[in-house]
């Protein structure tokens, strides 16, 4: 059997988008992929992230927030940057295979009522899921 394709999803805090992407790839990619996530400045996993992923039937409550240092000795086939605020020029992963940039709205920036905030998290989840499914289809191509 071939080695799984190792993927790192990266955003600023590893509290929402990258955690969603990690959970989605684990659920949709199967044994063909090894999914990881990290943040430049890790923050605890956001409860709204856990909630909207649970709505989609994906349990991520056991995932933990991680920093890039957690992976300093790990080589990835793909590094997927999900945060437009991260300076693309500063994030170079020469030891890794491919660096991709998926622009996704930041649910943590949402304000307003709890329902409005939850809607922002759902929107981010759905954006990531769409990009992930397109990417998986292209890889299968």
N, C-alpha and C. Protein backbone atom coordinates (compact mmCIF):
# COMPACT_ATOMS: atom_id res chain seq x y z
N UNK A 1 0.84 -1.19 0.00
CA UNK A 1 0.00 0.00 0.00
C UNK A 1 0.88 1.25 0.00
N UNK A 2 0.44 2.26 -0.70
CA UNK A 2 1.18 3.52 -0.78
C UNK A 2 1.04 4.31 0.52
N UNK A 3 2.03 5.17 0.74
CA UNK A 3 1.95 6.09 1.88
C UNK A 3 0.78 7.04 1.66
N UNK A 4 0.08 7.41 2.73
CA UNK A 4 -1.00 8.39 2.55
C UNK A 4 -0.44 9.76 2.16
N UNK A 5 -1.26 10.53 1.48
CA UNK A 5 -0.90 11.90 1.12
C UNK A 5 -1.04 12.73 2.39
N UNK A 6 0.06 13.33 2.83
CA UNK A 6 0.09 14.09 4.08
C UNK A 6 -0.21 15.56 3.79
N UNK A 7 -1.27 16.08 4.46
CA UNK A 7 -1.75 17.43 4.22
C UNK A 7 -1.77 18.22 5.53
N UNK A 8 -1.25 19.45 5.47
CA UNK A 8 -1.31 20.37 6.61
C UNK A 8 -2.17 21.55 6.21
N UNK A 9 -3.22 21.81 7.00
CA UNK A 9 -4.06 23.00 6.81
C UNK A 9 -3.59 24.05 7.82
N UNK A 10 -3.40 25.26 7.34
CA UNK A 10 -2.78 26.30 8.16
C UNK A 10 -3.61 27.57 8.17
N UNK A 11 -3.82 28.13 9.36
CA UNK A 11 -4.40 29.47 9.49
C UNK A 11 -3.75 30.12 10.71
N UNK A 12 -4.19 31.31 11.03
CA UNK A 12 -3.52 32.06 12.09
C UNK A 12 -3.62 31.37 13.45
N UNK A 13 -4.83 30.98 13.86
CA UNK A 13 -5.01 30.51 15.22
C UNK A 13 -5.25 29.02 15.40
N UNK A 14 -5.55 28.29 14.33
CA UNK A 14 -5.89 26.87 14.42
C UNK A 14 -7.06 26.65 15.37
N UNK A 15 -7.99 27.61 15.35
CA UNK A 15 -9.17 27.52 16.21
C UNK A 15 -10.44 27.22 15.43
N UNK A 16 -10.42 27.46 14.11
CA UNK A 16 -11.65 27.25 13.34
C UNK A 16 -11.39 26.69 11.94
N UNK A 17 -11.01 27.52 10.96
CA UNK A 17 -10.94 27.06 9.57
C UNK A 17 -10.03 25.86 9.35
N UNK A 18 -8.82 25.91 9.87
CA UNK A 18 -7.90 24.79 9.65
C UNK A 18 -8.38 23.53 10.37
N UNK A 19 -9.04 23.72 11.51
CA UNK A 19 -9.61 22.57 12.23
C UNK A 19 -10.76 21.96 11.42
N UNK A 20 -11.59 22.82 10.82
CA UNK A 20 -12.68 22.33 9.97
C UNK A 20 -12.12 21.52 8.80
N UNK A 21 -11.10 22.08 8.15
CA UNK A 21 -10.51 21.42 6.99
C UNK A 21 -9.90 20.07 7.38
N UNK A 22 -9.22 20.02 8.52
CA UNK A 22 -8.65 18.76 8.98
C UNK A 22 -9.75 17.72 9.17
N UNK A 23 -10.83 18.10 9.85
CA UNK A 23 -11.93 17.17 10.09
C UNK A 23 -12.62 16.74 8.80
N UNK A 24 -12.80 17.70 7.89
CA UNK A 24 -13.45 17.37 6.61
C UNK A 24 -12.60 16.40 5.79
N UNK A 25 -11.29 16.63 5.74
CA UNK A 25 -10.45 15.72 4.97
C UNK A 25 -10.42 14.33 5.60
N UNK A 26 -10.38 14.27 6.91
CA UNK A 26 -10.43 12.95 7.57
C UNK A 26 -11.72 12.22 7.22
N UNK A 27 -12.83 12.96 7.19
CA UNK A 27 -14.12 12.34 6.90
C UNK A 27 -14.29 11.98 5.43
N UNK A 28 -13.79 12.83 4.53
CA UNK A 28 -14.03 12.65 3.10
C UNK A 28 -12.89 11.94 2.36
N UNK A 29 -11.68 12.07 2.88
CA UNK A 29 -10.51 11.56 2.16
C UNK A 29 -10.17 10.11 2.41
N UNK A 30 -10.64 9.58 3.53
CA UNK A 30 -10.37 8.19 3.85
C UNK A 30 -8.90 7.92 4.11
N UNK A 31 -8.51 6.67 3.94
CA UNK A 31 -7.15 6.23 4.24
C UNK A 31 -6.12 6.77 3.26
N UNK A 32 -6.58 7.35 2.17
CA UNK A 32 -5.65 7.89 1.17
C UNK A 32 -4.91 9.13 1.68
N UNK A 33 -5.47 9.77 2.73
CA UNK A 33 -4.91 11.03 3.24
C UNK A 33 -4.60 10.94 4.72
N UNK A 34 -3.62 11.75 5.12
CA UNK A 34 -3.30 11.97 6.53
C UNK A 34 -3.46 13.47 6.75
N UNK A 35 -4.48 13.86 7.52
CA UNK A 35 -4.82 15.28 7.69
C UNK A 35 -4.28 15.82 9.00
N UNK A 36 -3.74 17.05 8.92
CA UNK A 36 -3.22 17.77 10.08
C UNK A 36 -3.61 19.23 9.95
N UNK A 37 -3.55 19.95 11.07
CA UNK A 37 -3.77 21.40 11.02
C UNK A 37 -2.87 22.07 12.05
N UNK A 38 -2.60 23.36 11.80
CA UNK A 38 -1.76 24.12 12.71
C UNK A 38 -2.07 25.61 12.56
N UNK A 39 -1.61 26.39 13.53
CA UNK A 39 -1.76 27.83 13.49
C UNK A 39 -0.43 28.51 13.73
N UNK A 40 -0.31 29.73 13.21
CA UNK A 40 0.88 30.53 13.45
C UNK A 40 0.93 30.93 14.92
N UNK A 41 -0.23 31.33 15.47
CA UNK A 41 -0.37 31.66 16.89
C UNK A 41 -1.56 30.86 17.41
N UNK A 42 -1.35 29.60 17.79
CA UNK A 42 -2.47 28.72 18.16
C UNK A 42 -3.33 29.25 19.30
N UNK A 43 -4.63 29.10 19.10
CA UNK A 43 -5.63 29.43 20.12
C UNK A 43 -6.49 28.18 20.33
N UNK A 44 -7.18 28.09 21.45
CA UNK A 44 -8.01 26.91 21.70
C UNK A 44 -9.09 26.73 20.62
N UNK A 45 -9.45 25.49 20.39
CA UNK A 45 -10.49 25.14 19.44
C UNK A 45 -11.78 25.85 19.83
N UNK A 46 -12.38 26.57 18.87
CA UNK A 46 -13.58 27.35 19.13
C UNK A 46 -14.80 26.44 19.25
N UNK A 47 -15.62 26.59 20.30
CA UNK A 47 -16.81 25.75 20.45
C UNK A 47 -17.78 25.83 19.26
N UNK A 48 -17.86 27.00 18.60
CA UNK A 48 -18.73 27.10 17.43
C UNK A 48 -18.20 26.24 16.28
N UNK A 49 -16.90 26.09 16.18
CA UNK A 49 -16.31 25.22 15.17
C UNK A 49 -16.76 23.79 15.41
N UNK A 50 -16.67 23.35 16.65
CA UNK A 50 -17.09 21.99 17.00
C UNK A 50 -18.57 21.80 16.69
N UNK A 51 -19.38 22.80 17.03
CA UNK A 51 -20.82 22.73 16.84
C UNK A 51 -21.22 22.60 15.37
N UNK A 52 -20.67 23.47 14.50
CA UNK A 52 -21.09 23.42 13.09
C UNK A 52 -20.54 22.18 12.39
N UNK A 53 -19.43 21.66 12.86
CA UNK A 53 -18.93 20.42 12.28
C UNK A 53 -19.80 19.24 12.72
N UNK A 54 -20.26 19.27 13.96
CA UNK A 54 -21.17 18.23 14.46
C UNK A 54 -22.46 18.23 13.64
N UNK A 55 -22.95 19.43 13.29
CA UNK A 55 -24.14 19.52 12.43
C UNK A 55 -23.93 18.79 11.11
N UNK A 56 -22.70 18.79 10.63
CA UNK A 56 -22.36 18.13 9.36
C UNK A 56 -22.01 16.66 9.56
N UNK A 57 -22.14 16.19 10.80
CA UNK A 57 -21.87 14.79 11.09
C UNK A 57 -20.40 14.46 11.28
N UNK A 58 -19.59 15.46 11.57
CA UNK A 58 -18.15 15.26 11.74
C UNK A 58 -17.74 15.71 13.14
N UNK A 59 -17.26 14.76 13.92
CA UNK A 59 -16.86 15.04 15.30
C UNK A 59 -15.39 15.48 15.33
N UNK A 60 -15.16 16.70 15.81
CA UNK A 60 -13.78 17.18 15.93
C UNK A 60 -13.45 17.63 17.35
N UNK A 61 -14.32 17.36 18.30
CA UNK A 61 -14.11 17.83 19.68
C UNK A 61 -12.81 17.32 20.27
N UNK A 62 -12.30 16.19 19.79
CA UNK A 62 -11.06 15.63 20.32
C UNK A 62 -9.82 16.23 19.66
N UNK A 63 -10.00 16.99 18.57
CA UNK A 63 -8.85 17.64 17.95
C UNK A 63 -8.33 18.71 18.89
N UNK A 64 -7.04 19.00 18.79
CA UNK A 64 -6.47 20.04 19.64
C UNK A 64 -5.76 21.05 18.76
N UNK A 65 -5.63 22.26 19.28
CA UNK A 65 -4.94 23.32 18.56
C UNK A 65 -3.44 23.06 18.61
N UNK A 66 -2.80 23.25 17.46
CA UNK A 66 -1.36 22.98 17.34
C UNK A 66 -0.68 24.14 16.63
N UNK A 67 0.61 24.29 16.88
CA UNK A 67 1.41 25.30 16.20
C UNK A 67 2.32 24.66 15.18
N UNK A 68 2.94 25.49 14.36
CA UNK A 68 3.86 24.96 13.35
C UNK A 68 5.02 24.18 13.98
N UNK A 69 5.43 24.57 15.19
CA UNK A 69 6.53 23.88 15.86
C UNK A 69 6.21 22.41 16.12
N UNK A 70 4.92 22.09 16.23
CA UNK A 70 4.52 20.69 16.44
C UNK A 70 4.90 19.83 15.23
N UNK A 71 5.15 20.47 14.10
CA UNK A 71 5.42 19.74 12.86
C UNK A 71 6.78 20.06 12.25
N UNK A 72 7.70 20.57 13.05
CA UNK A 72 8.98 21.01 12.49
C UNK A 72 9.77 19.89 11.82
N UNK A 73 9.52 18.64 12.20
CA UNK A 73 10.24 17.52 11.59
C UNK A 73 9.35 16.71 10.64
N UNK A 74 8.22 17.25 10.26
CA UNK A 74 7.27 16.53 9.41
C UNK A 74 7.27 17.12 8.01
N UNK A 75 7.32 16.28 7.03
CA UNK A 75 7.24 16.73 5.63
C UNK A 75 5.83 16.45 5.13
N UNK A 76 5.27 17.46 4.45
CA UNK A 76 3.91 17.35 3.93
C UNK A 76 3.93 17.33 2.41
N UNK A 77 2.98 16.61 1.84
CA UNK A 77 2.80 16.62 0.40
C UNK A 77 2.11 17.92 -0.03
N UNK A 78 1.21 18.41 0.82
CA UNK A 78 0.49 19.66 0.56
C UNK A 78 0.39 20.47 1.84
N UNK A 79 0.64 21.78 1.74
CA UNK A 79 0.33 22.73 2.81
C UNK A 79 -0.73 23.65 2.23
N UNK A 80 -1.89 23.70 2.88
CA UNK A 80 -3.01 24.50 2.40
C UNK A 80 -3.22 25.65 3.38
N UNK A 81 -2.98 26.87 2.89
CA UNK A 81 -3.14 28.08 3.71
C UNK A 81 -4.55 28.61 3.52
N UNK A 82 -5.28 28.73 4.63
CA UNK A 82 -6.69 29.12 4.59
C UNK A 82 -6.93 30.54 5.06
N UNK A 83 -5.89 31.28 5.36
CA UNK A 83 -6.01 32.59 6.00
C UNK A 83 -5.39 33.66 5.11
N UNK A 84 -6.21 34.57 4.60
CA UNK A 84 -5.70 35.63 3.73
C UNK A 84 -4.78 36.60 4.47
N UNK A 85 -4.86 36.65 5.80
CA UNK A 85 -4.02 37.57 6.57
C UNK A 85 -2.57 37.10 6.65
N UNK A 86 -2.34 35.83 6.39
CA UNK A 86 -0.97 35.32 6.45
C UNK A 86 -0.22 35.77 5.22
N UNK A 87 0.96 36.28 5.43
CA UNK A 87 1.78 36.80 4.33
C UNK A 87 2.32 35.64 3.52
N UNK A 88 1.85 35.53 2.31
CA UNK A 88 2.25 34.40 1.46
C UNK A 88 3.75 34.37 1.23
N UNK A 89 4.38 35.53 1.16
CA UNK A 89 5.81 35.58 0.94
C UNK A 89 6.62 35.03 2.10
N UNK A 90 6.08 35.17 3.31
CA UNK A 90 6.79 34.70 4.50
C UNK A 90 6.55 33.22 4.77
N UNK A 91 5.51 32.69 4.19
CA UNK A 91 5.18 31.29 4.43
C UNK A 91 5.68 30.44 3.27
N UNK A 92 6.90 30.03 3.40
CA UNK A 92 7.49 29.19 2.36
C UNK A 92 7.79 27.84 2.99
N UNK A 93 7.37 26.79 2.33
CA UNK A 93 7.57 25.45 2.85
C UNK A 93 8.41 24.66 1.84
N UNK A 94 9.69 24.98 1.73
CA UNK A 94 10.52 24.37 0.70
C UNK A 94 10.66 22.87 0.83
N UNK A 95 10.56 22.35 2.03
CA UNK A 95 10.73 20.90 2.20
C UNK A 95 9.47 20.14 1.82
N UNK A 96 8.38 20.86 1.67
CA UNK A 96 7.10 20.23 1.38
C UNK A 96 6.79 20.28 -0.10
N UNK A 97 5.84 19.46 -0.53
CA UNK A 97 5.54 19.31 -1.94
C UNK A 97 4.89 20.52 -2.58
N UNK A 98 3.71 20.87 -2.16
CA UNK A 98 2.93 21.93 -2.80
C UNK A 98 2.32 22.82 -1.72
N UNK A 99 2.32 24.12 -1.98
CA UNK A 99 1.63 25.07 -1.11
C UNK A 99 0.44 25.62 -1.88
N UNK A 100 -0.73 25.46 -1.31
CA UNK A 100 -1.97 25.95 -1.92
C UNK A 100 -2.55 27.06 -1.05
N UNK A 101 -3.28 27.97 -1.67
CA UNK A 101 -3.95 29.06 -0.94
C UNK A 101 -5.44 28.99 -1.25
N UNK A 102 -6.23 28.71 -0.24
CA UNK A 102 -7.68 28.69 -0.39
C UNK A 102 -8.23 29.87 0.41
N UNK A 103 -8.73 30.87 -0.27
CA UNK A 103 -9.29 32.03 0.40
C UNK A 103 -10.64 31.64 1.02
N UNK A 104 -10.74 31.79 2.33
CA UNK A 104 -11.96 31.43 3.05
C UNK A 104 -12.30 32.54 4.04
N UNK A 105 -13.58 32.83 4.17
CA UNK A 105 -13.98 33.87 5.12
C UNK A 105 -13.61 33.44 6.54
N UNK A 106 -13.31 34.42 7.38
CA UNK A 106 -12.88 34.18 8.75
C UNK A 106 -14.09 34.24 9.68
N UNK A 107 -14.58 33.10 10.16
CA UNK A 107 -15.77 33.13 11.01
C UNK A 107 -15.52 33.81 12.36
N UNK A 108 -14.30 33.80 12.83
CA UNK A 108 -13.99 34.42 14.11
C UNK A 108 -14.16 35.94 14.07
N UNK A 109 -14.15 36.50 12.86
CA UNK A 109 -14.33 37.95 12.72
C UNK A 109 -15.79 38.36 12.77
N UNK A 110 -16.69 37.40 12.76
CA UNK A 110 -18.14 37.70 12.76
C UNK A 110 -18.56 38.30 14.10
N UNK A 111 -19.45 39.26 14.00
CA UNK A 111 -20.01 39.88 15.20
C UNK A 111 -21.53 39.77 15.13
N UNK A 112 -22.18 40.22 16.17
CA UNK A 112 -23.63 40.21 16.16
C UNK A 112 -24.20 39.14 17.08
N UNK A 113 -25.40 38.75 16.75
CA UNK A 113 -26.12 37.79 17.59
C UNK A 113 -25.44 36.42 17.53
N UNK A 114 -25.73 35.57 18.51
CA UNK A 114 -25.20 34.20 18.44
C UNK A 114 -25.60 33.49 17.14
N UNK A 115 -26.83 33.74 16.67
CA UNK A 115 -27.28 33.11 15.41
C UNK A 115 -26.46 33.62 14.22
N UNK A 116 -26.13 34.91 14.21
CA UNK A 116 -25.33 35.48 13.13
C UNK A 116 -23.92 34.91 13.15
N UNK A 117 -23.36 34.77 14.33
CA UNK A 117 -22.02 34.19 14.44
C UNK A 117 -22.02 32.73 13.99
N UNK A 118 -23.03 31.98 14.40
CA UNK A 118 -23.12 30.58 13.99
C UNK A 118 -23.26 30.47 12.47
N UNK A 119 -24.01 31.38 11.87
CA UNK A 119 -24.17 31.39 10.42
C UNK A 119 -22.82 31.62 9.74
N UNK A 120 -21.97 32.47 10.31
CA UNK A 120 -20.65 32.72 9.74
C UNK A 120 -19.78 31.47 9.80
N UNK A 121 -19.90 30.72 10.88
CA UNK A 121 -19.14 29.47 11.00
C UNK A 121 -19.65 28.43 10.01
N UNK A 122 -20.95 28.38 9.82
CA UNK A 122 -21.50 27.46 8.81
C UNK A 122 -21.02 27.84 7.42
N UNK A 123 -21.01 29.14 7.13
CA UNK A 123 -20.56 29.60 5.81
C UNK A 123 -19.10 29.20 5.57
N UNK A 124 -18.25 29.39 6.57
CA UNK A 124 -16.84 29.02 6.43
C UNK A 124 -16.71 27.50 6.21
N UNK A 125 -17.46 26.73 6.99
CA UNK A 125 -17.43 25.27 6.83
C UNK A 125 -17.81 24.88 5.40
N UNK A 126 -18.88 25.47 4.91
CA UNK A 126 -19.37 25.13 3.57
C UNK A 126 -18.39 25.57 2.48
N UNK A 127 -17.74 26.73 2.65
CA UNK A 127 -16.72 27.18 1.71
C UNK A 127 -15.56 26.19 1.66
N UNK A 128 -15.10 25.79 2.82
CA UNK A 128 -13.97 24.86 2.90
C UNK A 128 -14.36 23.52 2.30
N UNK A 129 -15.56 23.07 2.61
CA UNK A 129 -16.01 21.78 2.06
C UNK A 129 -16.06 21.83 0.54
N UNK A 130 -16.55 22.93 -0.03
CA UNK A 130 -16.60 23.06 -1.48
C UNK A 130 -15.21 23.04 -2.10
N UNK A 131 -14.28 23.77 -1.50
CA UNK A 131 -12.90 23.80 -2.02
C UNK A 131 -12.25 22.43 -1.89
N UNK A 132 -12.49 21.77 -0.76
CA UNK A 132 -11.91 20.45 -0.53
C UNK A 132 -12.45 19.44 -1.54
N UNK A 133 -13.74 19.46 -1.77
CA UNK A 133 -14.33 18.51 -2.71
C UNK A 133 -13.82 18.75 -4.13
N UNK A 134 -13.66 20.01 -4.53
CA UNK A 134 -13.10 20.32 -5.84
C UNK A 134 -11.67 19.83 -5.96
N UNK A 135 -10.88 20.04 -4.90
CA UNK A 135 -9.49 19.61 -4.88
C UNK A 135 -9.39 18.09 -4.95
N UNK A 136 -10.23 17.39 -4.15
CA UNK A 136 -10.20 15.92 -4.18
C UNK A 136 -10.57 15.39 -5.56
N UNK A 137 -11.56 16.03 -6.19
CA UNK A 137 -11.96 15.61 -7.55
C UNK A 137 -10.82 15.83 -8.54
N UNK A 138 -10.11 16.96 -8.41
CA UNK A 138 -8.99 17.24 -9.31
C UNK A 138 -7.86 16.24 -9.11
N UNK A 139 -7.60 15.86 -7.87
CA UNK A 139 -6.55 14.87 -7.60
C UNK A 139 -6.91 13.50 -8.16
N UNK A 140 -8.19 13.19 -8.10
CA UNK A 140 -8.66 11.89 -8.60
C UNK A 140 -8.65 11.87 -10.13
N UNK A 141 -8.76 13.10 -10.71
CA UNK A 141 -8.84 13.39 -12.11
C UNK A 141 -8.43 12.45 -13.09
